[in-house]
Amino acid sequence: GNVFAIITPRQVDRGALMSRYSRTDKSMRRIFLDEFLKNKNRGE
């Protein structure tokens, strides 16, 4: 869906996803897969 809730457990990842979202043309879920999934410290 084009409307969805972010339920990833770490607060820092949720916030970083929202912020990163405004600086790329990728979809948020794609950002998560490409940039956050493997790098556990990405949000911080």
PDB file of all heavy atoms in Angstrom:
ATOM      1  N   GLY A   1       0.805  -1.219   0.000  1.00  0.00           N
ATOM      2  CA  GLY A   1       0.000   0.000   0.000  1.00  0.00           C
ATOM      3  C   GLY A   1       0.834   1.264   0.000  1.00  0.00           C
ATOM      4  O   GLY A   1       1.996   1.276   0.398  1.00  0.00           O
ATOM      5  N   ASN A   2       0.218   2.363  -0.454  1.00  0.00           N
ATOM      6  CA  ASN A   2       0.933   3.638  -0.466  1.00  0.00           C
ATOM      7  C   ASN A   2       0.802   4.381   0.868  1.00  0.00           C
ATOM      8  O   ASN A   2       1.372   5.456   1.056  1.00  0.00           O
ATOM      9  CB  ASN A   2       0.449   4.530  -1.615  1.00  0.00           C
ATOM     10  CG  ASN A   2      -0.978   4.987  -1.418  1.00  0.00           C
ATOM     11  OD1 ASN A   2      -1.801   4.260  -0.885  1.00  0.00           O
ATOM     12  ND2 ASN A   2      -1.276   6.201  -1.856  1.00  0.00           N
ATOM     13  N   VAL A   3       0.027   3.802   1.789  1.00  0.00           N
ATOM     14  CA  VAL A   3      -0.056   4.319   3.162  1.00  0.00           C
ATOM     15  C   VAL A   3       0.290   3.169   4.089  1.00  0.00           C
ATOM     16  O   VAL A   3      -0.299   2.092   4.002  1.00  0.00           O
ATOM     17  CB  VAL A   3      -1.476   4.856   3.491  1.00  0.00           C
ATOM     18  CG1 VAL A   3      -1.529   5.320   4.939  1.00  0.00           C
ATOM     19  CG2 VAL A   3      -1.861   5.981   2.542  1.00  0.00           C
ATOM     20  N   PHE A   4       1.266   3.367   4.958  1.00  0.00           N
ATOM     21  CA  PHE A   4       1.693   2.279   5.836  1.00  0.00           C
ATOM     22  C   PHE A   4       2.305   2.850   7.106  1.00  0.00           C
ATOM     23  O   PHE A   4       2.734   4.012   7.163  1.00  0.00           O
ATOM     24  CB  PHE A   4       2.722   1.384   5.122  1.00  0.00           C
ATOM     25  CG  PHE A   4       3.858   2.132   4.481  1.00  0.00           C
ATOM     26  CD1 PHE A   4       5.033   2.389   5.193  1.00  0.00           C
ATOM     27  CD2 PHE A   4       3.762   2.588   3.168  1.00  0.00           C
ATOM     28  CE1 PHE A   4       6.073   3.091   4.608  1.00  0.00           C
ATOM     29  CE2 PHE A   4       4.816   3.290   2.576  1.00  0.00           C
ATOM     30  CZ  PHE A   4       5.974   3.540   3.302  1.00  0.00           C
ATOM     31  N   ALA A   5       2.321   2.049   8.161  1.00  0.00           N
ATOM     32  CA  ALA A   5       2.919   2.451   9.438  1.00  0.00           C
ATOM     33  C   ALA A   5       4.325   1.864   9.532  1.00  0.00           C
ATOM     34  O   ALA A   5       4.578   0.754   9.065  1.00  0.00           O
ATOM     35  CB  ALA A   5       2.065   1.958  10.601  1.00  0.00           C
ATOM     36  N   ILE A   6       5.221   2.624  10.146  1.00  0.00           N
ATOM     37  CA  ILE A   6       6.581   2.136  10.389  1.00  0.00           C
ATOM     38  C   ILE A   6       6.580   1.442  11.743  1.00  0.00           C
ATOM     39  O   ILE A   6       6.340   2.070  12.776  1.00  0.00           O
ATOM     40  CB  ILE A   6       7.592   3.304  10.408  1.00  0.00           C
ATOM     41  CG1 ILE A   6       7.430   4.163   9.166  1.00  0.00           C
ATOM     42  CG2 ILE A   6       9.011   2.782  10.534  1.00  0.00           C
ATOM     43  CD1 ILE A   6       8.182   5.479   9.244  1.00  0.00           C
ATOM     44  N   ILE A   7       6.827   0.143  11.767  1.00  0.00           N
ATOM     45  CA  ILE A   7       6.768  -0.610  13.019  1.00  0.00           C
ATOM     46  C   ILE A   7       8.116  -1.225  13.390  1.00  0.00           C
ATOM     47  O   ILE A   7       8.199  -2.022  14.321  1.00  0.00           O
ATOM     48  CB  ILE A   7       5.688  -1.710  12.952  1.00  0.00           C
ATOM     49  CG1 ILE A   7       5.987  -2.699  11.818  1.00  0.00           C
ATOM     50  CG2 ILE A   7       4.304  -1.103  12.782  1.00  0.00           C
ATOM     51  CD1 ILE A   7       5.054  -3.904  11.787  1.00  0.00           C
ATOM     52  N   THR A   8       9.170  -0.836  12.669  1.00  0.00           N
ATOM     53  CA  THR A   8      10.491  -1.354  13.025  1.00  0.00           C
ATOM     54  C   THR A   8      10.791  -0.964  14.468  1.00  0.00           C
ATOM     55  O   THR A   8      10.484   0.164  14.886  1.00  0.00           O
ATOM     56  CB  THR A   8      11.570  -0.814  12.049  1.00  0.00           C
ATOM     57  OG1 THR A   8      12.772  -1.542  12.231  1.00  0.00           O
ATOM     58  CG2 THR A   8      11.823   0.664  12.231  1.00  0.00           C
ATOM     59  N   PRO A   9      11.321  -1.879  15.270  1.00  0.00           N
ATOM     60  CA  PRO A   9      11.370  -1.669  16.724  1.00  0.00           C
ATOM     61  C   PRO A   9      12.231  -0.516  17.211  1.00  0.00           C
ATOM     62  O   PRO A   9      11.881   0.127  18.194  1.00  0.00           O
ATOM     63  CB  PRO A   9      11.886  -3.012  17.261  1.00  0.00           C
ATOM     64  CG  PRO A   9      12.532  -3.688  16.103  1.00  0.00           C
ATOM     65  CD  PRO A   9      11.790  -3.232  14.898  1.00  0.00           C
ATOM     66  N   ARG A  10      13.336  -0.200  16.539  1.00  0.00           N
ATOM     67  CA  ARG A  10      14.238   0.816  17.069  1.00  0.00           C
ATOM     68  C   ARG A  10      13.770   2.231  16.703  1.00  0.00           C
ATOM     69  O   ARG A  10      13.576   2.551  15.530  1.00  0.00           O
ATOM     70  CB  ARG A  10      15.660   0.594  16.556  1.00  0.00           C
ATOM     71  CG  ARG A  10      16.285  -0.713  17.015  1.00  0.00           C
ATOM     72  CD  ARG A  10      17.805  -0.655  17.044  1.00  0.00           C
ATOM     73  NE  ARG A  10      18.392   0.063  15.924  1.00  0.00           N
ATOM     74  CZ  ARG A  10      19.619   0.615  15.971  1.00  0.00           C
ATOM     75  NH1 ARG A  10      20.331   0.526  17.068  1.00  0.00           N
ATOM     76  NH2 ARG A  10      20.108   1.223  14.910  1.00  0.00           N
ATOM     77  N   GLN A  11      13.594   3.073  17.743  1.00  0.00           N
ATOM     78  CA  GLN A  11      13.157   4.448  17.528  1.00  0.00           C
ATOM     79  C   GLN A  11      14.106   5.194  16.601  1.00  0.00           C
ATOM     80  O   GLN A  11      13.683   5.936  15.725  1.00  0.00           O
ATOM     81  CB  GLN A  11      13.106   5.193  18.867  1.00  0.00           C
ATOM     82  CG  GLN A  11      11.767   5.236  19.539  1.00  0.00           C
ATOM     83  CD  GLN A  11      10.782   6.147  18.841  1.00  0.00           C
ATOM     84  OE1 GLN A  11      11.077   6.795  17.850  1.00  0.00           O
ATOM     85  NE2 GLN A  11       9.577   6.164  19.349  1.00  0.00           N
ATOM     86  N   VAL A  12      15.392   4.985  16.803  1.00  0.00           N
ATOM     87  CA  VAL A  12      16.362   5.738  16.018  1.00  0.00           C
ATOM     88  C   VAL A  12      16.251   5.401  14.539  1.00  0.00           C
ATOM     89  O   VAL A  12      16.427   6.260  13.671  1.00  0.00           O
ATOM     90  CB  VAL A  12      17.796   5.486  16.551  1.00  0.00           C
ATOM     91  CG1 VAL A  12      18.259   4.075  16.253  1.00  0.00           C
ATOM     92  CG2 VAL A  12      18.777   6.515  15.980  1.00  0.00           C
ATOM     93  N   ASP A  13      15.914   4.141  14.217  1.00  0.00           N
ATOM     94  CA  ASP A  13      15.729   3.761  12.823  1.00  0.00           C
ATOM     95  C   ASP A  13      14.473   4.393  12.233  1.00  0.00           C
ATOM     96  O   ASP A  13      14.451   4.809  11.077  1.00  0.00           O
ATOM     97  CB  ASP A  13      15.660   2.238  12.693  1.00  0.00           C
ATOM     98  CG  ASP A  13      17.022   1.581  12.876  1.00  0.00           C
ATOM     99  OD1 ASP A  13      18.036   2.295  12.755  1.00  0.00           O
ATOM    100  OD2 ASP A  13      17.080   0.364  13.148  1.00  0.00           O
ATOM    101  N   ARG A  14      13.424   4.452  13.031  1.00  0.00           N
ATOM    102  CA  ARG A  14      12.182   5.070  12.543  1.00  0.00           C
ATOM    103  C   ARG A  14      12.422   6.531  12.175  1.00  0.00           C
ATOM    104  O   ARG A  14      12.029   7.004  11.111  1.00  0.00           O
ATOM    105  CB  ARG A  14      11.097   4.989  13.618  1.00  0.00           C
ATOM    106  CG  ARG A  14      10.632   3.591  13.949  1.00  0.00           C
ATOM    107  CD  ARG A  14       9.431   3.654  14.873  1.00  0.00           C
ATOM    108  NE  ARG A  14       9.133   2.361  15.473  1.00  0.00           N
ATOM    109  CZ  ARG A  14       8.075   2.135  16.231  1.00  0.00           C
ATOM    110  NH1 ARG A  14       7.226   3.106  16.493  1.00  0.00           N
ATOM    111  NH2 ARG A  14       7.855   0.941  16.745  1.00  0.00           N
ATOM    112  N   GLY A  15      13.068   7.252  13.096  1.00  0.00           N
ATOM    113  CA  GLY A  15      13.329   8.664  12.847  1.00  0.00           C
ATOM    114  C   GLY A  15      14.274   8.884  11.684  1.00  0.00           C
ATOM    115  O   GLY A  15      14.061   9.768  10.849  1.00  0.00           O
ATOM    116  N   ALA A  16      15.335   8.072  11.631  1.00  0.00           N
ATOM    117  CA  ALA A  16      16.311   8.220  10.552  1.00  0.00           C
ATOM    118  C   ALA A  16      15.683   7.904   9.201  1.00  0.00           C
ATOM    119  O   ALA A  16      15.978   8.562   8.194  1.00  0.00           O
ATOM    120  CB  ALA A  16      17.507   7.308  10.813  1.00  0.00           C
ATOM    121  N   LEU A  17      14.815   6.905   9.160  1.00  0.00           N
ATOM    122  CA  LEU A  17      14.107   6.573   7.921  1.00  0.00           C
ATOM    123  C   LEU A  17      13.281   7.762   7.435  1.00  0.00           C
ATOM    124  O   LEU A  17      13.280   8.096   6.249  1.00  0.00           O
ATOM    125  CB  LEU A  17      13.190   5.369   8.144  1.00  0.00           C
ATOM    126  CG  LEU A  17      13.784   3.982   7.917  1.00  0.00           C
ATOM    127  CD1 LEU A  17      12.834   2.918   8.461  1.00  0.00           C
ATOM    128  CD2 LEU A  17      14.048   3.741   6.437  1.00  0.00           C
ATOM    129  N   MET A  18      12.560   8.387   8.375  1.00  0.00           N
ATOM    130  CA  MET A  18      11.730   9.538   8.007  1.00  0.00           C
ATOM    131  C   MET A  18      12.588  10.663   7.441  1.00  0.00           C
ATOM    132  O   MET A  18      12.234  11.306   6.451  1.00  0.00           O
ATOM    133  CB  MET A  18      10.975  10.036   9.248  1.00  0.00           C
ATOM    134  CG  MET A  18       9.913   9.075   9.771  1.00  0.00           C
ATOM    135  SD  MET A  18       8.409   9.080   8.759  1.00  0.00           S
ATOM    136  CE  MET A  18       7.679  10.628   9.281  1.00  0.00           C
ATOM    137  N   SER A  19      13.724  10.902   8.090  1.00  0.00           N
ATOM    138  CA  SER A  19      14.580  11.996   7.646  1.00  0.00           C
ATOM    139  C   SER A  19      15.258  11.663   6.311  1.00  0.00           C
ATOM    140  O   SER A  19      15.315  12.491   5.398  1.00  0.00           O
ATOM    141  CB  SER A  19      15.626  12.290   8.721  1.00  0.00           C
ATOM    142  OG  SER A  19      16.385  13.410   8.357  1.00  0.00           O
ATOM    143  N   ARG A  20      15.789  10.455   6.202  1.00  0.00           N
ATOM    144  CA  ARG A  20      16.463  10.022   4.969  1.00  0.00           C
ATOM    145  C   ARG A  20      15.495  10.063   3.788  1.00  0.00           C
ATOM    146  O   ARG A  20      15.863  10.383   2.651  1.00  0.00           O
ATOM    147  CB  ARG A  20      16.991   8.595   5.159  1.00  0.00           C
ATOM    148  CG  ARG A  20      17.678   8.017   3.937  1.00  0.00           C
ATOM    149  CD  ARG A  20      19.061   8.602   3.736  1.00  0.00           C
ATOM    150  NE  ARG A  20      19.701   8.042   2.548  1.00  0.00           N
ATOM    151  CZ  ARG A  20      19.725   8.636   1.362  1.00  0.00           C
ATOM    152  NH1 ARG A  20      19.169   9.832   1.196  1.00  0.00           N
ATOM    153  NH2 ARG A  20      20.322   8.067   0.334  1.00  0.00           N
ATOM    154  N   TYR A  21      14.245   9.768   4.068  1.00  0.00           N
ATOM    155  CA  TYR A  21      13.153   9.733   3.094  1.00  0.00           C
ATOM    156  C   TYR A  21      13.038  11.049   2.324  1.00  0.00           C
ATOM    157  O   TYR A  21      12.699  11.082   1.144  1.00  0.00           O
ATOM    158  CB  TYR A  21      11.880   9.465   3.881  1.00  0.00           C
ATOM    159  CG  TYR A  21      10.656   9.046   3.110  1.00  0.00           C
ATOM    160  CD1 TYR A  21      10.725   8.192   2.023  1.00  0.00           C
ATOM    161  CD2 TYR A  21       9.400   9.476   3.536  1.00  0.00           C
ATOM    162  CE1 TYR A  21       9.577   7.781   1.364  1.00  0.00           C
ATOM    163  CE2 TYR A  21       8.249   9.067   2.903  1.00  0.00           C
ATOM    164  CZ  TYR A  21       8.338   8.221   1.812  1.00  0.00           C
ATOM    165  OH  TYR A  21       7.203   7.816   1.178  1.00  0.00           O
ATOM    166  N   SER A  22      13.337  12.169   3.034  1.00  0.00           N
ATOM    167  CA  SER A  22      13.173  13.485   2.414  1.00  0.00           C
ATOM    168  C   SER A  22      14.347  13.864   1.529  1.00  0.00           C
ATOM    169  O   SER A  22      14.336  14.912   0.882  1.00  0.00           O
ATOM    170  CB  SER A  22      13.009  14.550   3.509  1.00  0.00           C
ATOM    171  OG  SER A  22      14.207  14.677   4.257  1.00  0.00           O
ATOM    172  N   ARG A  23      15.393  12.987   1.495  1.00  0.00           N
ATOM    173  CA  ARG A  23      16.617  13.350   0.768  1.00  0.00           C
ATOM    174  C   ARG A  23      16.954  12.352  -0.341  1.00  0.00           C
ATOM    175  O   ARG A  23      18.100  12.244  -0.751  1.00  0.00           O
ATOM    176  CB  ARG A  23      17.775  13.471   1.749  1.00  0.00           C
ATOM    177  CG  ARG A  23      17.517  14.551   2.806  1.00  0.00           C
ATOM    178  CD  ARG A  23      18.560  14.585   3.892  1.00  0.00           C
ATOM    179  NE  ARG A  23      18.207  15.596   4.886  1.00  0.00           N
ATOM    180  CZ  ARG A  23      19.049  16.502   5.362  1.00  0.00           C
ATOM    181  NH1 ARG A  23      20.297  16.546   4.921  1.00  0.00           N
ATOM    182  NH2 ARG A  23      18.662  17.366   6.272  1.00  0.00           N
ATOM    183  N   THR A  24      15.949  11.593  -0.776  1.00  0.00           N
ATOM    184  CA  THR A  24      16.182  10.624  -1.856  1.00  0.00           C
ATOM    185  C   THR A  24      14.869  10.388  -2.594  1.00  0.00           C
ATOM    186  O   THR A  24      13.793  10.662  -2.069  1.00  0.00           O
ATOM    187  CB  THR A  24      16.701   9.280  -1.291  1.00  0.00           C
ATOM    188  OG1 THR A  24      16.851   8.345  -2.347  1.00  0.00           O
ATOM    189  CG2 THR A  24      15.745   8.700  -0.271  1.00  0.00           C
ATOM    190  N   ASP A  25      14.981   9.854  -3.816  1.00  0.00           N
ATOM    191  CA  ASP A  25      13.757   9.542  -4.566  1.00  0.00           C
ATOM    192  C   ASP A  25      13.348   8.079  -4.390  1.00  0.00           C
ATOM    193  O   ASP A  25      12.403   7.610  -5.011  1.00  0.00           O
ATOM    194  CB  ASP A  25      13.920   9.877  -6.049  1.00  0.00           C
ATOM    195  CG  ASP A  25      15.089   9.124  -6.680  1.00  0.00           C
ATOM    196  OD1 ASP A  25      15.749   8.336  -5.966  1.00  0.00           O
ATOM    197  OD2 ASP A  25      15.331   9.330  -7.887  1.00  0.00           O
ATOM    198  N   LYS A  26      14.056   7.358  -3.526  1.00  0.00           N
ATOM    199  CA  LYS A  26      13.669   5.970  -3.245  1.00  0.00           C
ATOM    200  C   LYS A  26      12.433   5.931  -2.362  1.00  0.00           C
ATOM    201  O   LYS A  26      12.155   6.864  -1.618  1.00  0.00           O
ATOM    202  CB  LYS A  26      14.798   5.252  -2.496  1.00  0.00           C
ATOM    203  CG  LYS A  26      16.065   4.978  -3.284  1.00  0.00           C
ATOM    204  CD  LYS A  26      17.044   4.217  -2.391  1.00  0.00           C
ATOM    205  CE  LYS A  26      18.351   3.956  -3.103  1.00  0.00           C
ATOM    206  NZ  LYS A  26      19.294   3.214  -2.198  1.00  0.00           N
ATOM    207  N   SER A  27      11.693   4.818  -2.428  1.00  0.00           N
ATOM    208  CA  SER A  27      10.587   4.622  -1.498  1.00  0.00           C
ATOM    209  C   SER A  27      11.177   4.288  -0.125  1.00  0.00           C
ATOM    210  O   SER A  27      12.309   3.811  -0.019  1.00  0.00           O
ATOM    211  CB  SER A  27       9.687   3.481  -1.966  1.00  0.00           C
ATOM    212  OG  SER A  27      10.355   2.235  -1.833  1.00  0.00           O
ATOM    213  N   MET A  28      10.411   4.516   0.933  1.00  0.00           N
ATOM    214  CA  MET A  28      10.932   4.286   2.278  1.00  0.00           C
ATOM    215  C   MET A  28      11.290   2.828   2.510  1.00  0.00           C
ATOM    216  O   MET A  28      12.326   2.503   3.121  1.00  0.00           O
ATOM    217  CB  MET A  28       9.928   4.747   3.340  1.00  0.00           C
ATOM    218  CG  MET A  28      10.459   4.584   4.763  1.00  0.00           C
ATOM    219  SD  MET A  28       9.318   5.138   6.025  1.00  0.00           S
ATOM    220  CE  MET A  28       9.430   6.914   5.802  1.00  0.00           C
ATOM    221  N   ARG A  29      10.441   1.932   2.056  1.00  0.00           N
ATOM    222  CA  ARG A  29      10.719   0.512   2.275  1.00  0.00           C
ATOM    223  C   ARG A  29      11.976   0.066   1.512  1.00  0.00           C
ATOM    224  O   ARG A  29      12.742  -0.774   1.984  1.00  0.00           O
ATOM    225  CB  ARG A  29       9.495  -0.325   1.899  1.00  0.00           C
ATOM    226  CG  ARG A  29       8.356  -0.162   2.916  1.00  0.00           C
ATOM    227  CD  ARG A  29       7.042  -0.754   2.465  1.00  0.00           C
ATOM    228  NE  ARG A  29       6.454  -0.062   1.325  1.00  0.00           N
ATOM    229  CZ  ARG A  29       5.152   0.004   1.069  1.00  0.00           C
ATOM    230  NH1 ARG A  29       4.286  -0.596   1.877  1.00  0.00           N
ATOM    231  NH2 ARG A  29       4.697   0.625   0.012  1.00  0.00           N
ATOM    232  N   ARG A  30      12.215   0.677   0.348  1.00  0.00           N
ATOM    233  CA  ARG A  30      13.429   0.366  -0.396  1.00  0.00           C
ATOM    234  C   ARG A  30      14.663   0.905   0.344  1.00  0.00           C
ATOM    235  O   ARG A  30      15.705   0.263   0.387  1.00  0.00           O
ATOM    236  CB  ARG A  30      13.329   0.953  -1.809  1.00  0.00           C
ATOM    237  CG  ARG A  30      14.579   0.802  -2.664  1.00  0.00           C
ATOM    238  CD  ARG A  30      15.069  -0.640  -2.727  1.00  0.00           C
ATOM    239  NE  ARG A  30      14.076  -1.534  -3.336  1.00  0.00           N
ATOM    240  CZ  ARG A  30      14.161  -2.854  -3.303  1.00  0.00           C
ATOM    241  NH1 ARG A  30      15.169  -3.441  -2.651  1.00  0.00           N
ATOM    242  NH2 ARG A  30      13.227  -3.607  -3.868  1.00  0.00           N
ATOM    243  N   ILE A  31      14.541   2.120   0.923  1.00  0.00           N
ATOM    244  CA  ILE A  31      15.640   2.681   1.718  1.00  0.00           C
ATOM    245  C   ILE A  31      16.006   1.723   2.843  1.00  0.00           C
ATOM    246  O   ILE A  31      17.184   1.461   3.105  1.00  0.00           O
ATOM    247  CB  ILE A  31      15.244   4.049   2.324  1.00  0.00           C
ATOM    248  CG1 ILE A  31      15.022   5.085   1.225  1.00  0.00           C
ATOM    249  CG2 ILE A  31      16.307   4.543   3.303  1.00  0.00           C
ATOM    250  CD1 ILE A  31      14.414   6.382   1.733  1.00  0.00           C
ATOM    251  N   PHE A  32      14.974   1.187   3.499  1.00  0.00           N
ATOM    252  CA  PHE A  32      15.220   0.283   4.620  1.00  0.00           C
ATOM    253  C   PHE A  32      16.000  -0.955   4.152  1.00  0.00           C
ATOM    254  O   PHE A  32      16.977  -1.356   4.788  1.00  0.00           O
ATOM    255  CB  PHE A  32      13.895  -0.140   5.255  1.00  0.00           C
ATOM    256  CG  PHE A  32      14.075  -1.076   6.417  1.00  0.00           C
ATOM    257  CD1 PHE A  32      14.403  -0.597   7.678  1.00  0.00           C
ATOM    258  CD2 PHE A  32      13.931  -2.448   6.239  1.00  0.00           C
ATOM    259  CE1 PHE A  32      14.597  -1.461   8.744  1.00  0.00           C
ATOM    260  CE2 PHE A  32      14.121  -3.329   7.301  1.00  0.00           C
ATOM    261  CZ  PHE A  32      14.448  -2.829   8.560  1.00  0.00           C
ATOM    262  N   LEU A  33      15.563  -1.540   3.061  1.00  0.00           N
ATOM    263  CA  LEU A  33      16.222  -2.743   2.556  1.00  0.00           C
ATOM    264  C   LEU A  33      17.658  -2.456   2.109  1.00  0.00           C
ATOM    265  O   LEU A  33      18.581  -3.230   2.386  1.00  0.00           O
ATOM    266  CB  LEU A  33      15.426  -3.331   1.384  1.00  0.00           C
ATOM    267  CG  LEU A  33      14.072  -3.951   1.737  1.00  0.00           C
ATOM    268  CD1 LEU A  33      13.291  -4.262   0.466  1.00  0.00           C
ATOM    269  CD2 LEU A  33      14.241  -5.206   2.585  1.00  0.00           C
ATOM    270  N   ASP A  34      17.849  -1.326   1.435  1.00  0.00           N
ATOM    271  CA  ASP A  34      19.156  -1.023   0.856  1.00  0.00           C
ATOM    272  C   ASP A  34      20.156  -0.476   1.875  1.00  0.00           C
ATOM    273  O   ASP A  34      21.361  -0.776   1.799  1.00  0.00           O
ATOM    274  CB  ASP A  34      19.015  -0.001  -0.276  1.00  0.00           C
ATOM    275  CG  ASP A  34      18.291  -0.576  -1.486  1.00  0.00           C
ATOM    276  OD1 ASP A  34      18.049  -1.799  -1.495  1.00  0.00           O
ATOM    277  OD2 ASP A  34      17.959   0.198  -2.398  1.00  0.00           O
ATOM    278  N   GLU A  35      19.659   0.331   2.809  1.00  0.00           N
ATOM    279  CA  GLU A  35      20.592   1.085   3.648  1.00  0.00           C
ATOM    280  C   GLU A  35      20.561   0.737   5.143  1.00  0.00           C
ATOM    281  O   GLU A  35      21.546   0.992   5.849  1.00  0.00           O
ATOM    282  CB  GLU A  35      20.323   2.585   3.483  1.00  0.00           C
ATOM    283  CG  GLU A  35      20.424   3.052   2.043  1.00  0.00           C
ATOM    284  CD  GLU A  35      20.134   4.537   1.888  1.00  0.00           C
ATOM    285  OE1 GLU A  35      20.231   5.278   2.900  1.00  0.00           O
ATOM    286  OE2 GLU A  35      19.795   4.961   0.761  1.00  0.00           O
ATOM    287  N   PHE A  36      19.449   0.201   5.636  1.00  0.00           N
ATOM    288  CA  PHE A  36      19.319  -0.002   7.076  1.00  0.00           C
ATOM    289  C   PHE A  36      19.396  -1.462   7.502  1.00  0.00           C
ATOM    290  O   PHE A  36      19.836  -1.757   8.608  1.00  0.00           O
ATOM    291  CB  PHE A  36      17.985   0.576   7.568  1.00  0.00           C
ATOM    292  CG  PHE A  36      17.982   2.074   7.676  1.00  0.00           C
ATOM    293  CD1 PHE A  36      17.866   2.857   6.536  1.00  0.00           C
ATOM    294  CD2 PHE A  36      18.092   2.702   8.900  1.00  0.00           C
ATOM    295  CE1 PHE A  36      17.862   4.235   6.620  1.00  0.00           C
ATOM    296  CE2 PHE A  36      18.090   4.075   8.998  1.00  0.00           C
ATOM    297  CZ  PHE A  36      17.972   4.845   7.857  1.00  0.00           C
ATOM    298  N   LEU A  37      18.963  -2.359   6.671  1.00  0.00           N
ATOM    299  CA  LEU A  37      18.804  -3.760   7.075  1.00  0.00           C
ATOM    300  C   LEU A  37      20.120  -4.380   7.538  1.00  0.00           C
ATOM    301  O   LEU A  37      20.181  -5.002   8.601  1.00  0.00           O
ATOM    302  CB  LEU A  37      18.207  -4.572   5.919  1.00  0.00           C
ATOM    303  CG  LEU A  37      17.855  -6.025   6.253  1.00  0.00           C
ATOM    304  CD1 LEU A  37      16.821  -6.085   7.377  1.00  0.00           C
ATOM    305  CD2 LEU A  37      17.317  -6.735   5.019  1.00  0.00           C
ATOM    306  N   LYS A  38      21.172  -4.199   6.772  1.00  0.00           N
ATOM    307  CA  LYS A  38      22.445  -4.834   7.112  1.00  0.00           C
ATOM    308  C   LYS A  38      23.276  -3.988   8.073  1.00  0.00           C
ATOM    309  O   LYS A  38      24.054  -4.516   8.856  1.00  0.00           O
ATOM    310  CB  LYS A  38      23.242  -5.110   5.831  1.00  0.00           C
ATOM    311  CG  LYS A  38      22.604  -6.160   4.937  1.00  0.00           C
ATOM    312  CD  LYS A  38      23.430  -6.399   3.676  1.00  0.00           C
ATOM    313  CE  LYS A  38      22.757  -7.443   2.780  1.00  0.00           C
ATOM    314  NZ  LYS A  38      23.532  -7.665   1.538  1.00  0.00           N
ATOM    315  N   ASN A  39      23.119  -2.673   8.012  1.00  0.00           N
ATOM    316  CA  ASN A  39      23.900  -1.782   8.878  1.00  0.00           C
ATOM    317  C   ASN A  39      23.091  -1.459  10.128  1.00  0.00           C
ATOM    318  O   ASN A  39      22.224  -0.600  10.114  1.00  0.00           O
ATOM    319  CB  ASN A  39      24.254  -0.499   8.120  1.00  0.00           C
ATOM    320  CG  ASN A  39      25.199   0.400   8.906  1.00  0.00           C
ATOM    321  OD1 ASN A  39      25.467   0.147  10.082  1.00  0.00           O
ATOM    322  ND2 ASN A  39      25.696   1.435   8.252  1.00  0.00           N
ATOM    323  N   LYS A  40      23.359  -2.149  11.205  1.00  0.00           N
ATOM    324  CA  LYS A  40      22.582  -1.988  12.432  1.00  0.00           C
ATOM    325  C   LYS A  40      22.748  -0.605  13.062  1.00  0.00           C
ATOM    326  O   LYS A  40      21.921  -0.166  13.852  1.00  0.00           O
ATOM    327  CB  LYS A  40      22.994  -3.053  13.464  1.00  0.00           C
ATOM    328  CG  LYS A  40      22.777  -4.480  12.997  1.00  0.00           C
ATOM    329  CD  LYS A  40      21.314  -4.761  12.708  1.00  0.00           C
ATOM    330  CE  LYS A  40      21.092  -6.218  12.293  1.00  0.00           C
ATOM    331  NZ  LYS A  40      19.687  -6.484  11.932  1.00  0.00           N
ATOM    332  N   ASN A  41      23.830   0.101  12.726  1.00  0.00           N
ATOM    333  CA  ASN A  41      24.076   1.417  13.305  1.00  0.00           C
ATOM    334  C   ASN A  41      23.716   2.556  12.347  1.00  0.00           C
ATOM    335  O   ASN A  41      24.064   3.699  12.584  1.00  0.00           O
ATOM    336  CB  ASN A  41      25.557   1.557  13.696  1.00  0.00           C
ATOM    337  CG  ASN A  41      25.942   0.589  14.799  1.00  0.00           C
ATOM    338  OD1 ASN A  41      25.178   0.393  15.739  1.00  0.00           O
ATOM    339  ND2 ASN A  41      27.111  -0.012  14.674  1.00  0.00           N
ATOM    340  N   ARG A  42      23.035   2.194  11.257  1.00  0.00           N
ATOM    341  CA  ARG A  42      22.718   3.194  10.240  1.00  0.00           C
ATOM    342  C   ARG A  42      21.948   4.376  10.822  1.00  0.00           C
ATOM    343  O   ARG A  42      22.236   5.535  10.538  1.00  0.00           O
ATOM    344  CB  ARG A  42      21.909   2.556   9.117  1.00  0.00           C
ATOM    345  CG  ARG A  42      21.370   3.519   8.071  1.00  0.00           C
ATOM    346  CD  ARG A  42      22.486   4.163   7.276  1.00  0.00           C
ATOM    347  NE  ARG A  42      21.947   5.167   6.374  1.00  0.00           N
ATOM    348  CZ  ARG A  42      22.671   5.868   5.533  1.00  0.00           C
ATOM    349  NH1 ARG A  42      23.955   5.696   5.461  1.00  0.00           N
ATOM    350  NH2 ARG A  42      22.107   6.772   4.751  1.00  0.00           N
ATOM    351  N   GLY A  43      20.923   4.080  11.652  1.00  0.00           N
ATOM    352  CA  GLY A  43      20.105   5.147  12.227  1.00  0.00           C
ATOM    353  C   GLY A  43      20.923   6.107  13.057  1.00  0.00           C
ATOM    354  O   GLY A  43      20.839   7.327  12.907  1.00  0.00           O
ATOM    355  N   GLU A  44      21.768   5.567  13.934  1.00  0.00           N
ATOM    356  CA  GLU A  44      22.588   6.415  14.793  1.00  0.00           C
ATOM    357  C   GLU A  44      23.611   7.197  13.978  1.00  0.00           C
ATOM    358  O   GLU A  44      23.853   8.385  14.243  1.00  0.00           O
ATOM    359  CB  GLU A  44      23.287   5.557  15.848  1.00  0.00           C
ATOM    360  CG  GLU A  44      22.305   4.996  16.882  1.00  0.00           C
ATOM    361  CD  GLU A  44      22.975   4.056  17.865  1.00  0.00           C
ATOM    362  OE1 GLU A  44      24.210   3.936  17.800  1.00  0.00           O
ATOM    363  OE2 GLU A  44      22.263   3.462  18.685  1.00  0.00           O
TER     364      GLU A  44
END
